[in-house]
Amino acid sequence: MKYNLSEITEVIRERRSVYPESYSSRKVHSEIIEDVLNNAIWAPTHGMVQPWRFKVYTGEAVKRAGAELEKVYKSSVPEAEWSERKLVKLRERTSSVSVLIFICMRPEENSTIPEIENVAAVACAVQNMYLTCTAYGLGSYWSSPKYVYSEEMKTFLNIGEKDKCLGMFFMGYPEGEWPKSHRKPLEYVTEWFDQ
C-alpha cells in the first residue's frame, strides 16, 4: 500500500462541521491557513478549470467583514423575513473567530463545462479544507445562508458578474470534546451489479 490507509480513513471519518460558537480564542497561524488552502486547490476539476477562489479574512478584518455581512443581510433579505436571531448569530460568529474564508467560484470564460461541475469542484476543494483542518485538530464550518448568493454579496466581495459566492468557511480551535457522528450503513445507500 502506498499510504497509511487507516490514518486517511480516520481523518475522513473524524471530519465534522464544528460550529464557530465552540471555538476558543486561540488564533490560527497563517502557515496553517496556507496549508489548508494549498490542499484545497488539489481538488479534482473538470478540464483543469480550477474555479475556486478564496477571500481570506483574519484578525480584525473578520470583524469588519462581519459588519459588512450585516449590511448584506439587511439589504438582500426582505424585511419580512429578517431574523434578529440570525443577525445576532452572525455578529457573534464574526466577533469571535480568527479566520473567515469566503468560498467563491469563477467559471472559465467561454467554457462549455456546465456550472454544476464547477460547483462540484469547489465543493471538493472545501472537503479538502475540512480534512486538512481535521488533521490539524481545527474546527471548521461551511455556512451557506441564502444571502451569500445575492448580488449584494458579490458587490461586497468584489467578484465578477459570472462569479458566485458559495459560502463562508469558519476556522478555529474547538473547546471541549470533538463532536461524534454516524452514517447510514453502506447497504442502505448502495446497489451492486456484477452482470
N, C-alpha and C. Protein backbone atom coordinates (compact mmCIF):
# COMPACT_ATOMS: atom_id res chain seq x y z
N MET A 1 0.84 -1.18 0.00
CA MET A 1 0.00 0.00 0.00
C MET A 1 0.90 1.25 0.00
N LYS A 2 0.52 2.24 -0.79
CA LYS A 2 1.35 3.44 -0.94
C LYS A 2 1.29 4.36 0.28
N TYR A 3 0.11 4.46 0.91
CA TYR A 3 -0.09 5.36 2.06
C TYR A 3 -0.73 4.59 3.21
N ASN A 4 -0.70 5.17 4.38
CA ASN A 4 -1.32 4.55 5.54
C ASN A 4 -2.83 4.78 5.46
N LEU A 5 -3.53 3.78 4.95
CA LEU A 5 -4.97 3.92 4.72
C LEU A 5 -5.75 4.09 6.02
N SER A 6 -5.29 3.48 7.09
CA SER A 6 -6.03 3.61 8.34
C SER A 6 -6.02 5.06 8.84
N GLU A 7 -4.91 5.77 8.67
CA GLU A 7 -4.86 7.18 9.07
C GLU A 7 -5.73 8.05 8.18
N ILE A 8 -5.69 7.79 6.88
CA ILE A 8 -6.54 8.54 5.94
C ILE A 8 -8.01 8.31 6.27
N THR A 9 -8.37 7.06 6.51
CA THR A 9 -9.76 6.71 6.86
C THR A 9 -10.18 7.41 8.15
N GLU A 10 -9.28 7.45 9.12
CA GLU A 10 -9.60 8.09 10.40
C GLU A 10 -9.87 9.59 10.21
N VAL A 11 -9.03 10.25 9.43
CA VAL A 11 -9.24 11.69 9.18
C VAL A 11 -10.58 11.91 8.48
N ILE A 12 -10.89 11.10 7.48
CA ILE A 12 -12.16 11.24 6.76
C ILE A 12 -13.34 11.04 7.71
N ARG A 13 -13.26 10.02 8.54
CA ARG A 13 -14.39 9.71 9.42
C ARG A 13 -14.49 10.62 10.64
N GLU A 14 -13.42 11.31 10.97
CA GLU A 14 -13.44 12.26 12.08
C GLU A 14 -13.83 13.68 11.65
N ARG A 15 -13.90 13.92 10.34
CA ARG A 15 -14.26 15.24 9.84
C ARG A 15 -15.65 15.62 10.35
N ARG A 16 -15.77 16.83 10.86
CA ARG A 16 -17.04 17.32 11.38
C ARG A 16 -17.21 18.78 11.02
N SER A 17 -18.47 19.20 10.99
CA SER A 17 -18.77 20.63 10.99
C SER A 17 -18.77 21.04 12.46
N VAL A 18 -17.78 21.85 12.82
CA VAL A 18 -17.66 22.33 14.20
C VAL A 18 -18.04 23.80 14.18
N TYR A 19 -19.13 24.13 14.83
CA TYR A 19 -19.68 25.48 14.77
C TYR A 19 -18.78 26.51 15.47
N PRO A 20 -18.70 27.70 14.91
CA PRO A 20 -17.83 28.74 15.45
C PRO A 20 -18.10 29.08 16.92
N GLU A 21 -19.31 28.87 17.38
CA GLU A 21 -19.65 29.17 18.78
C GLU A 21 -18.80 28.37 19.75
N SER A 22 -18.23 27.25 19.28
CA SER A 22 -17.45 26.41 20.20
C SER A 22 -15.94 26.62 20.06
N TYR A 23 -15.52 27.64 19.30
CA TYR A 23 -14.09 27.89 19.13
C TYR A 23 -13.53 28.65 20.33
N SER A 24 -12.28 28.36 20.63
CA SER A 24 -11.58 29.11 21.68
C SER A 24 -11.03 30.41 21.09
N SER A 25 -10.39 31.19 21.89
CA SER A 25 -9.80 32.45 21.42
C SER A 25 -8.42 32.24 20.78
N ARG A 26 -7.92 31.03 20.80
CA ARG A 26 -6.61 30.72 20.22
C ARG A 26 -6.61 31.04 18.72
N LYS A 27 -5.60 31.75 18.27
CA LYS A 27 -5.50 32.18 16.87
C LYS A 27 -4.94 31.06 15.99
N VAL A 28 -5.41 31.00 14.77
CA VAL A 28 -4.89 30.05 13.78
C VAL A 28 -3.79 30.77 13.00
N HIS A 29 -2.61 30.19 12.96
CA HIS A 29 -1.47 30.82 12.28
C HIS A 29 -1.64 30.80 10.77
N SER A 30 -1.08 31.80 10.12
CA SER A 30 -1.22 31.95 8.67
C SER A 30 -0.63 30.77 7.91
N GLU A 31 0.42 30.13 8.45
CA GLU A 31 1.01 28.97 7.77
C GLU A 31 0.01 27.83 7.68
N ILE A 32 -0.79 27.67 8.72
CA ILE A 32 -1.81 26.61 8.72
C ILE A 32 -2.90 26.96 7.71
N ILE A 33 -3.32 28.20 7.69
CA ILE A 33 -4.34 28.62 6.72
C ILE A 33 -3.84 28.36 5.29
N GLU A 34 -2.57 28.66 5.04
CA GLU A 34 -2.00 28.40 3.72
C GLU A 34 -1.98 26.91 3.40
N ASP A 35 -1.65 26.06 4.39
CA ASP A 35 -1.70 24.61 4.16
C ASP A 35 -3.11 24.17 3.79
N VAL A 36 -4.08 24.69 4.52
CA VAL A 36 -5.48 24.33 4.25
C VAL A 36 -5.85 24.71 2.82
N LEU A 37 -5.48 25.91 2.40
CA LEU A 37 -5.83 26.37 1.05
C LEU A 37 -5.00 25.68 -0.03
N ASN A 38 -3.73 25.38 0.27
CA ASN A 38 -2.92 24.64 -0.70
C ASN A 38 -3.47 23.24 -0.94
N ASN A 39 -4.02 22.61 0.09
CA ASN A 39 -4.66 21.31 -0.11
C ASN A 39 -5.98 21.46 -0.86
N ALA A 40 -6.67 22.56 -0.64
CA ALA A 40 -7.94 22.80 -1.33
C ALA A 40 -7.75 22.80 -2.84
N ILE A 41 -6.68 23.43 -3.31
CA ILE A 41 -6.52 23.60 -4.76
C ILE A 41 -6.12 22.33 -5.48
N TRP A 42 -5.93 21.24 -4.72
CA TRP A 42 -5.63 19.95 -5.35
C TRP A 42 -6.90 19.10 -5.53
N ALA A 43 -8.04 19.72 -5.42
CA ALA A 43 -9.31 19.02 -5.65
C ALA A 43 -9.45 18.70 -7.14
N PRO A 44 -10.26 17.68 -7.47
CA PRO A 44 -10.49 17.38 -8.88
C PRO A 44 -11.27 18.52 -9.55
N THR A 45 -10.96 18.76 -10.83
CA THR A 45 -11.62 19.84 -11.56
C THR A 45 -11.69 19.46 -13.04
N HIS A 46 -12.89 19.46 -13.58
CA HIS A 46 -13.10 19.12 -14.98
C HIS A 46 -12.39 20.13 -15.88
N GLY A 47 -11.58 19.62 -16.81
CA GLY A 47 -10.90 20.49 -17.76
C GLY A 47 -9.86 21.40 -17.13
N MET A 48 -9.43 21.08 -15.91
CA MET A 48 -8.45 21.90 -15.18
C MET A 48 -8.89 23.37 -15.08
N VAL A 49 -10.19 23.59 -14.98
CA VAL A 49 -10.73 24.96 -14.86
C VAL A 49 -10.27 25.60 -13.54
N GLN A 50 -10.17 24.80 -12.48
CA GLN A 50 -9.78 25.29 -11.16
C GLN A 50 -10.60 26.54 -10.78
N PRO A 51 -11.92 26.37 -10.63
CA PRO A 51 -12.81 27.52 -10.46
C PRO A 51 -12.83 28.12 -9.06
N TRP A 52 -12.15 27.52 -8.12
CA TRP A 52 -12.19 28.02 -6.73
C TRP A 52 -11.44 29.33 -6.58
N ARG A 53 -12.01 30.19 -5.77
CA ARG A 53 -11.37 31.45 -5.39
C ARG A 53 -11.66 31.65 -3.90
N PHE A 54 -10.69 32.17 -3.17
CA PHE A 54 -10.82 32.32 -1.73
C PHE A 54 -10.54 33.77 -1.32
N LYS A 55 -11.40 34.29 -0.46
CA LYS A 55 -11.20 35.61 0.14
C LYS A 55 -10.99 35.34 1.63
N VAL A 56 -9.77 35.57 2.10
CA VAL A 56 -9.39 35.19 3.46
C VAL A 56 -9.36 36.42 4.37
N TYR A 57 -10.10 36.35 5.46
CA TYR A 57 -10.13 37.41 6.46
C TYR A 57 -9.61 36.84 7.78
N THR A 58 -8.67 37.55 8.37
CA THR A 58 -8.13 37.13 9.66
C THR A 58 -8.09 38.33 10.61
N GLY A 59 -7.94 38.02 11.89
CA GLY A 59 -7.80 39.07 12.90
C GLY A 59 -8.93 40.08 12.87
N GLU A 60 -8.58 41.36 12.91
CA GLU A 60 -9.57 42.44 12.94
C GLU A 60 -10.40 42.51 11.65
N ALA A 61 -9.85 42.01 10.55
CA ALA A 61 -10.59 42.03 9.28
C ALA A 61 -11.86 41.19 9.36
N VAL A 62 -11.85 40.16 10.22
CA VAL A 62 -13.06 39.33 10.37
C VAL A 62 -14.20 40.18 10.93
N LYS A 63 -13.90 41.03 11.89
CA LYS A 63 -14.94 41.89 12.48
C LYS A 63 -15.47 42.88 11.44
N ARG A 64 -14.56 43.44 10.63
CA ARG A 64 -15.01 44.35 9.57
C ARG A 64 -15.88 43.62 8.55
N ALA A 65 -15.49 42.38 8.22
CA ALA A 65 -16.31 41.58 7.30
C ALA A 65 -17.68 41.32 7.93
N GLY A 66 -17.70 41.08 9.23
CA GLY A 66 -18.97 40.85 9.93
C GLY A 66 -19.90 42.03 9.81
N ALA A 67 -19.37 43.25 9.96
CA ALA A 67 -20.19 44.45 9.82
C ALA A 67 -20.74 44.57 8.40
N GLU A 68 -19.91 44.23 7.41
CA GLU A 68 -20.38 44.26 6.01
C GLU A 68 -21.43 43.18 5.77
N LEU A 69 -21.24 42.01 6.38
CA LEU A 69 -22.22 40.93 6.21
C LEU A 69 -23.58 41.31 6.77
N GLU A 70 -23.58 42.04 7.87
CA GLU A 70 -24.86 42.52 8.41
C GLU A 70 -25.57 43.41 7.40
N LYS A 71 -24.81 44.28 6.74
CA LYS A 71 -25.39 45.14 5.71
C LYS A 71 -25.92 44.32 4.54
N VAL A 72 -25.14 43.31 4.14
CA VAL A 72 -25.57 42.43 3.04
C VAL A 72 -26.87 41.73 3.42
N TYR A 73 -26.91 41.21 4.64
CA TYR A 73 -28.12 40.52 5.12
C TYR A 73 -29.33 41.46 5.06
N LYS A 74 -29.16 42.66 5.62
CA LYS A 74 -30.28 43.61 5.70
C LYS A 74 -30.72 44.11 4.33
N SER A 75 -29.79 44.21 3.38
CA SER A 75 -30.17 44.73 2.07
C SER A 75 -30.62 43.65 1.09
N SER A 76 -30.31 42.39 1.36
CA SER A 76 -30.67 41.34 0.40
C SER A 76 -31.83 40.46 0.87
N VAL A 77 -32.10 40.44 2.17
CA VAL A 77 -33.20 39.64 2.71
C VAL A 77 -34.40 40.55 2.91
N PRO A 78 -35.56 40.18 2.34
CA PRO A 78 -36.74 41.02 2.55
C PRO A 78 -37.01 41.24 4.04
N GLU A 79 -37.38 42.47 4.38
CA GLU A 79 -37.55 42.82 5.79
C GLU A 79 -38.52 41.88 6.51
N ALA A 80 -39.53 41.41 5.81
CA ALA A 80 -40.50 40.50 6.42
C ALA A 80 -39.85 39.16 6.82
N GLU A 81 -38.71 38.85 6.22
CA GLU A 81 -38.03 37.58 6.51
C GLU A 81 -36.82 37.74 7.44
N TRP A 82 -36.55 38.98 7.88
CA TRP A 82 -35.43 39.21 8.78
C TRP A 82 -35.59 38.41 10.05
N SER A 83 -34.48 37.98 10.57
CA SER A 83 -34.48 37.26 11.84
C SER A 83 -33.42 37.90 12.74
N GLU A 84 -33.85 38.49 13.81
CA GLU A 84 -32.90 39.09 14.75
C GLU A 84 -31.95 38.02 15.29
N ARG A 85 -32.48 36.81 15.48
CA ARG A 85 -31.65 35.71 15.96
C ARG A 85 -30.50 35.42 15.00
N LYS A 86 -30.79 35.45 13.68
CA LYS A 86 -29.74 35.20 12.68
C LYS A 86 -28.71 36.33 12.67
N LEU A 87 -29.18 37.55 12.84
CA LEU A 87 -28.24 38.68 12.91
C LEU A 87 -27.33 38.58 14.13
N VAL A 88 -27.90 38.20 15.26
CA VAL A 88 -27.11 38.05 16.48
C VAL A 88 -26.08 36.93 16.30
N LYS A 89 -26.51 35.81 15.70
CA LYS A 89 -25.59 34.69 15.47
C LYS A 89 -24.45 35.12 14.55
N LEU A 90 -24.77 35.84 13.49
CA LEU A 90 -23.76 36.34 12.57
C LEU A 90 -22.77 37.26 13.29
N ARG A 91 -23.31 38.14 14.11
CA ARG A 91 -22.48 39.09 14.88
C ARG A 91 -21.55 38.33 15.82
N GLU A 92 -22.09 37.33 16.51
CA GLU A 92 -21.28 36.56 17.45
C GLU A 92 -20.18 35.77 16.74
N ARG A 93 -20.55 35.17 15.61
CA ARG A 93 -19.56 34.36 14.88
C ARG A 93 -18.42 35.23 14.36
N THR A 94 -18.73 36.38 13.83
CA THR A 94 -17.69 37.21 13.24
C THR A 94 -16.94 38.05 14.27
N SER A 95 -17.38 38.01 15.51
CA SER A 95 -16.64 38.73 16.54
C SER A 95 -15.75 37.79 17.34
N SER A 96 -15.89 36.47 17.10
CA SER A 96 -15.14 35.53 17.94
C SER A 96 -14.18 34.63 17.17
N VAL A 97 -14.32 34.51 15.86
CA VAL A 97 -13.42 33.61 15.12
C VAL A 97 -12.20 34.37 14.61
N SER A 98 -11.11 33.65 14.41
CA SER A 98 -9.90 34.30 13.92
C SER A 98 -9.71 34.13 12.41
N VAL A 99 -10.49 33.23 11.80
CA VAL A 99 -10.37 33.01 10.35
C VAL A 99 -11.75 32.87 9.73
N LEU A 100 -11.99 33.65 8.69
CA LEU A 100 -13.22 33.57 7.91
C LEU A 100 -12.81 33.60 6.44
N ILE A 101 -13.16 32.54 5.72
CA ILE A 101 -12.81 32.44 4.31
C ILE A 101 -14.09 32.40 3.49
N PHE A 102 -14.19 33.30 2.53
CA PHE A 102 -15.33 33.26 1.61
C PHE A 102 -14.97 32.34 0.46
N ILE A 103 -15.83 31.37 0.22
CA ILE A 103 -15.62 30.37 -0.82
C ILE A 103 -16.32 30.88 -2.08
N CYS A 104 -15.54 31.15 -3.12
CA CYS A 104 -16.10 31.69 -4.35
C CYS A 104 -15.79 30.78 -5.54
N MET A 105 -16.55 30.96 -6.60
CA MET A 105 -16.37 30.18 -7.81
C MET A 105 -16.26 31.13 -8.99
N ARG A 106 -15.25 30.94 -9.81
CA ARG A 106 -15.09 31.72 -11.03
C ARG A 106 -15.04 30.76 -12.21
N PRO A 107 -16.07 30.76 -13.05
CA PRO A 107 -16.05 29.87 -14.22
C PRO A 107 -15.06 30.40 -15.26
N GLU A 108 -14.57 29.49 -16.08
CA GLU A 108 -13.65 29.87 -17.15
C GLU A 108 -14.44 30.58 -18.25
N GLU A 109 -13.86 31.63 -18.81
CA GLU A 109 -14.53 32.36 -19.90
C GLU A 109 -14.80 31.43 -21.08
N ASN A 110 -16.00 31.53 -21.64
CA ASN A 110 -16.39 30.78 -22.84
C ASN A 110 -16.23 29.27 -22.69
N SER A 111 -16.34 28.77 -21.48
CA SER A 111 -16.19 27.34 -21.24
C SER A 111 -17.49 26.62 -21.53
N THR A 112 -17.37 25.39 -21.99
CA THR A 112 -18.56 24.56 -22.22
C THR A 112 -18.84 23.67 -21.01
N ILE A 113 -18.04 23.79 -19.98
CA ILE A 113 -18.23 22.97 -18.78
C ILE A 113 -19.44 23.48 -18.02
N PRO A 114 -20.40 22.60 -17.73
CA PRO A 114 -21.61 23.03 -17.00
C PRO A 114 -21.27 23.60 -15.62
N GLU A 115 -22.05 24.59 -15.21
CA GLU A 115 -21.82 25.24 -13.92
C GLU A 115 -21.80 24.24 -12.77
N ILE A 116 -22.66 23.23 -12.82
CA ILE A 116 -22.74 22.26 -11.72
C ILE A 116 -21.40 21.57 -11.51
N GLU A 117 -20.63 21.39 -12.57
CA GLU A 117 -19.33 20.73 -12.43
C GLU A 117 -18.32 21.65 -11.74
N ASN A 118 -18.43 22.94 -11.98
CA ASN A 118 -17.58 23.89 -11.26
C ASN A 118 -17.97 23.97 -9.79
N VAL A 119 -19.26 23.95 -9.52
CA VAL A 119 -19.73 23.95 -8.14
C VAL A 119 -19.22 22.69 -7.42
N ALA A 120 -19.29 21.54 -8.13
CA ALA A 120 -18.80 20.29 -7.54
C ALA A 120 -17.30 20.37 -7.26
N ALA A 121 -16.55 20.98 -8.16
CA ALA A 121 -15.10 21.12 -7.95
C ALA A 121 -14.82 21.96 -6.71
N VAL A 122 -15.56 23.05 -6.55
CA VAL A 122 -15.37 23.90 -5.37
C VAL A 122 -15.75 23.13 -4.11
N ALA A 123 -16.83 22.35 -4.17
CA ALA A 123 -17.22 21.54 -3.01
C ALA A 123 -16.13 20.53 -2.66
N CYS A 124 -15.48 19.95 -3.66
CA CYS A 124 -14.36 19.04 -3.39
C CYS A 124 -13.21 19.80 -2.73
N ALA A 125 -12.97 21.02 -3.17
CA ALA A 125 -11.92 21.84 -2.56
C ALA A 125 -12.24 22.09 -1.08
N VAL A 126 -13.51 22.35 -0.80
CA VAL A 126 -13.92 22.59 0.59
C VAL A 126 -13.74 21.31 1.42
N GLN A 127 -14.04 20.16 0.83
CA GLN A 127 -13.81 18.91 1.56
C GLN A 127 -12.33 18.76 1.90
N ASN A 128 -11.45 19.11 0.97
CA ASN A 128 -10.01 19.06 1.27
C ASN A 128 -9.67 20.01 2.43
N MET A 129 -10.33 21.17 2.46
CA MET A 129 -10.12 22.12 3.55
C MET A 129 -10.57 21.50 4.87
N TYR A 130 -11.75 20.90 4.86
CA TYR A 130 -12.27 20.24 6.06
C TYR A 130 -11.30 19.17 6.57
N LEU A 131 -10.81 18.34 5.65
CA LEU A 131 -9.94 17.24 6.05
C LEU A 131 -8.61 17.76 6.61
N THR A 132 -8.08 18.81 6.01
CA THR A 132 -6.83 19.39 6.50
C THR A 132 -7.04 19.99 7.88
N CYS A 133 -8.15 20.69 8.06
CA CYS A 133 -8.47 21.23 9.39
C CYS A 133 -8.57 20.11 10.41
N THR A 134 -9.22 19.01 10.05
CA THR A 134 -9.36 17.87 10.96
C THR A 134 -7.99 17.34 11.36
N ALA A 135 -7.09 17.21 10.38
CA ALA A 135 -5.75 16.71 10.66
C ALA A 135 -5.01 17.63 11.63
N TYR A 136 -5.27 18.91 11.54
CA TYR A 136 -4.64 19.88 12.45
C TYR A 136 -5.36 19.98 13.80
N GLY A 137 -6.52 19.33 13.94
CA GLY A 137 -7.29 19.48 15.17
C GLY A 137 -8.08 20.76 15.21
N LEU A 138 -8.30 21.36 14.03
CA LEU A 138 -9.07 22.61 13.94
C LEU A 138 -10.54 22.32 13.67
N GLY A 139 -11.39 23.10 14.30
CA GLY A 139 -12.80 23.07 13.95
C GLY A 139 -13.00 23.89 12.69
N SER A 140 -13.95 23.48 11.87
CA SER A 140 -14.27 24.25 10.66
C SER A 140 -15.74 24.06 10.34
N TYR A 141 -16.27 25.04 9.63
CA TYR A 141 -17.70 25.02 9.33
C TYR A 141 -17.96 25.80 8.04
N TRP A 142 -18.61 25.14 7.08
CA TRP A 142 -19.00 25.75 5.81
C TRP A 142 -20.45 26.20 5.96
N SER A 143 -20.67 27.50 5.95
CA SER A 143 -22.01 28.08 6.11
C SER A 143 -22.45 28.69 4.79
N SER A 144 -23.68 28.39 4.38
CA SER A 144 -24.17 28.93 3.11
C SER A 144 -25.61 29.44 3.23
N PRO A 145 -25.83 30.48 4.05
CA PRO A 145 -27.17 31.06 4.12
C PRO A 145 -27.53 31.68 2.77
N LYS A 146 -28.82 31.84 2.51
CA LYS A 146 -29.30 32.30 1.20
C LYS A 146 -28.63 33.59 0.73
N TYR A 147 -28.36 34.50 1.65
CA TYR A 147 -27.84 35.80 1.22
C TYR A 147 -26.44 35.73 0.62
N VAL A 148 -25.71 34.61 0.81
CA VAL A 148 -24.38 34.55 0.19
C VAL A 148 -24.46 34.51 -1.33
N TYR A 149 -25.63 34.13 -1.86
CA TYR A 149 -25.81 34.05 -3.32
C TYR A 149 -26.31 35.37 -3.92
N SER A 150 -26.42 36.39 -3.10
CA SER A 150 -27.03 37.65 -3.54
C SER A 150 -26.05 38.54 -4.31
N GLU A 151 -26.62 39.47 -5.05
CA GLU A 151 -25.82 40.48 -5.76
C GLU A 151 -25.09 41.37 -4.76
N GLU A 152 -25.72 41.62 -3.62
CA GLU A 152 -25.09 42.43 -2.58
C GLU A 152 -23.80 41.76 -2.07
N MET A 153 -23.82 40.44 -1.96
CA MET A 153 -22.63 39.71 -1.53
C MET A 153 -21.54 39.82 -2.60
N LYS A 154 -21.92 39.71 -3.86
CA LYS A 154 -20.94 39.87 -4.95
C LYS A 154 -20.28 41.25 -4.89
N THR A 155 -21.09 42.26 -4.61
CA THR A 155 -20.56 43.62 -4.52
C THR A 155 -19.59 43.72 -3.36
N PHE A 156 -19.97 43.21 -2.19
CA PHE A 156 -19.11 43.24 -1.01
C PHE A 156 -17.77 42.54 -1.29
N LEU A 157 -17.81 41.38 -1.94
CA LEU A 157 -16.60 40.61 -2.20
C LEU A 157 -15.84 41.08 -3.44
N ASN A 158 -16.46 41.97 -4.20
CA ASN A 158 -15.83 42.49 -5.41
C ASN A 158 -15.47 41.36 -6.37
N ILE A 159 -16.48 40.51 -6.65
CA ILE A 159 -16.26 39.40 -7.58
C ILE A 159 -17.03 39.69 -8.88
N GLY A 160 -16.64 39.00 -9.94
CA GLY A 160 -17.18 39.25 -11.26
C GLY A 160 -18.64 38.88 -11.41
N GLU A 161 -19.21 39.33 -12.51
CA GLU A 161 -20.63 39.12 -12.79
C GLU A 161 -21.00 37.64 -12.84
N LYS A 162 -20.13 36.82 -13.43
CA LYS A 162 -20.43 35.38 -13.55
C LYS A 162 -19.92 34.58 -12.35
N ASP A 163 -19.16 35.23 -11.48
CA ASP A 163 -18.65 34.56 -10.28
C ASP A 163 -19.78 34.37 -9.28
N LYS A 164 -19.56 33.46 -8.35
CA LYS A 164 -20.55 33.21 -7.30
C LYS A 164 -19.83 33.03 -5.96
N CYS A 165 -20.48 33.49 -4.91
CA CYS A 165 -20.04 33.14 -3.57
C CYS A 165 -20.83 31.89 -3.19
N LEU A 166 -20.14 30.85 -2.74
CA LEU A 166 -20.80 29.60 -2.37
C LEU A 166 -20.83 29.38 -0.86
N GLY A 167 -20.37 30.36 -0.11
CA GLY A 167 -20.47 30.24 1.33
C GLY A 167 -19.29 30.81 2.06
N MET A 168 -19.36 30.66 3.38
CA MET A 168 -18.31 31.14 4.28
C MET A 168 -17.75 29.93 5.02
N PHE A 169 -16.43 29.92 5.18
CA PHE A 169 -15.75 28.82 5.86
C PHE A 169 -15.08 29.38 7.10
N PHE A 170 -15.57 28.98 8.26
CA PHE A 170 -15.04 29.42 9.55
C PHE A 170 -14.01 28.40 10.04
N MET A 171 -12.94 28.88 10.65
CA MET A 171 -11.91 28.01 11.21
C MET A 171 -11.53 28.48 12.60
N GLY A 172 -11.27 27.52 13.50
CA GLY A 172 -10.81 27.86 14.84
C GLY A 172 -10.52 26.62 15.64
N TYR A 173 -9.86 26.81 16.76
CA TYR A 173 -9.57 25.70 17.66
C TYR A 173 -10.78 25.46 18.56
N PRO A 174 -11.34 24.24 18.51
CA PRO A 174 -12.54 24.00 19.33
C PRO A 174 -12.21 23.80 20.80
N GLU A 175 -13.16 24.19 21.63
CA GLU A 175 -13.06 23.91 23.06
C GLU A 175 -13.91 22.67 23.32
N GLY A 176 -13.51 21.88 24.28
CA GLY A 176 -14.29 20.70 24.62
C GLY A 176 -13.98 19.52 23.72
N GLU A 177 -14.85 18.53 23.78
CA GLU A 177 -14.65 17.28 23.04
C GLU A 177 -14.98 17.44 21.57
N TRP A 178 -14.29 16.64 20.77
CA TRP A 178 -14.56 16.60 19.34
C TRP A 178 -15.93 15.96 19.14
N PRO A 179 -16.79 16.55 18.29
CA PRO A 179 -18.14 16.00 18.11
C PRO A 179 -18.13 14.59 17.52
N LYS A 180 -19.13 13.82 17.88
CA LYS A 180 -19.33 12.47 17.34
C LYS A 180 -20.38 12.52 16.25
N SER A 181 -20.39 11.51 15.40
CA SER A 181 -21.40 11.44 14.35
C SER A 181 -21.59 9.99 13.93
N HIS A 182 -22.47 9.78 12.98
CA HIS A 182 -22.70 8.43 12.43
C HIS A 182 -23.19 8.57 11.00
N ARG A 183 -23.20 7.49 10.28
CA ARG A 183 -23.72 7.44 8.92
C ARG A 183 -24.57 6.20 8.78
N LYS A 184 -25.50 6.24 7.81
CA LYS A 184 -26.28 5.04 7.49
C LYS A 184 -25.32 3.96 7.00
N PRO A 185 -25.60 2.69 7.32
CA PRO A 185 -24.74 1.62 6.80
C PRO A 185 -24.76 1.61 5.27
N LEU A 186 -23.66 1.15 4.70
CA LEU A 186 -23.46 1.15 3.26
C LEU A 186 -24.60 0.48 2.50
N GLU A 187 -25.16 -0.59 3.05
CA GLU A 187 -26.21 -1.32 2.33
C GLU A 187 -27.48 -0.50 2.11
N TYR A 188 -27.67 0.57 2.87
CA TYR A 188 -28.84 1.42 2.70
C TYR A 188 -28.70 2.39 1.53
N VAL A 189 -27.49 2.60 1.06
CA VAL A 189 -27.27 3.62 0.04
C VAL A 189 -26.57 3.09 -1.21
N THR A 190 -26.42 1.76 -1.31
CA THR A 190 -25.62 1.18 -2.40
C THR A 190 -26.36 0.05 -3.07
N GLU A 191 -26.30 0.02 -4.40
CA GLU A 191 -26.75 -1.13 -5.18
C GLU A 191 -25.56 -1.68 -5.92
N TRP A 192 -25.39 -3.01 -5.89
CA TRP A 192 -24.26 -3.66 -6.55
C TRP A 192 -24.76 -4.40 -7.78
N PHE A 193 -24.00 -4.36 -8.87
CA PHE A 193 -24.32 -5.08 -10.09
C PHE A 193 -23.06 -5.80 -10.54
N ASP A 194 -23.18 -7.08 -10.85
CA ASP A 194 -21.98 -7.80 -11.31
C ASP A 194 -22.20 -8.51 -12.64
N GLN A 195 -23.37 -8.34 -13.25
CA GLN A 195 -23.61 -8.96 -14.57
C GLN A 195 -24.44 -8.04 -15.44
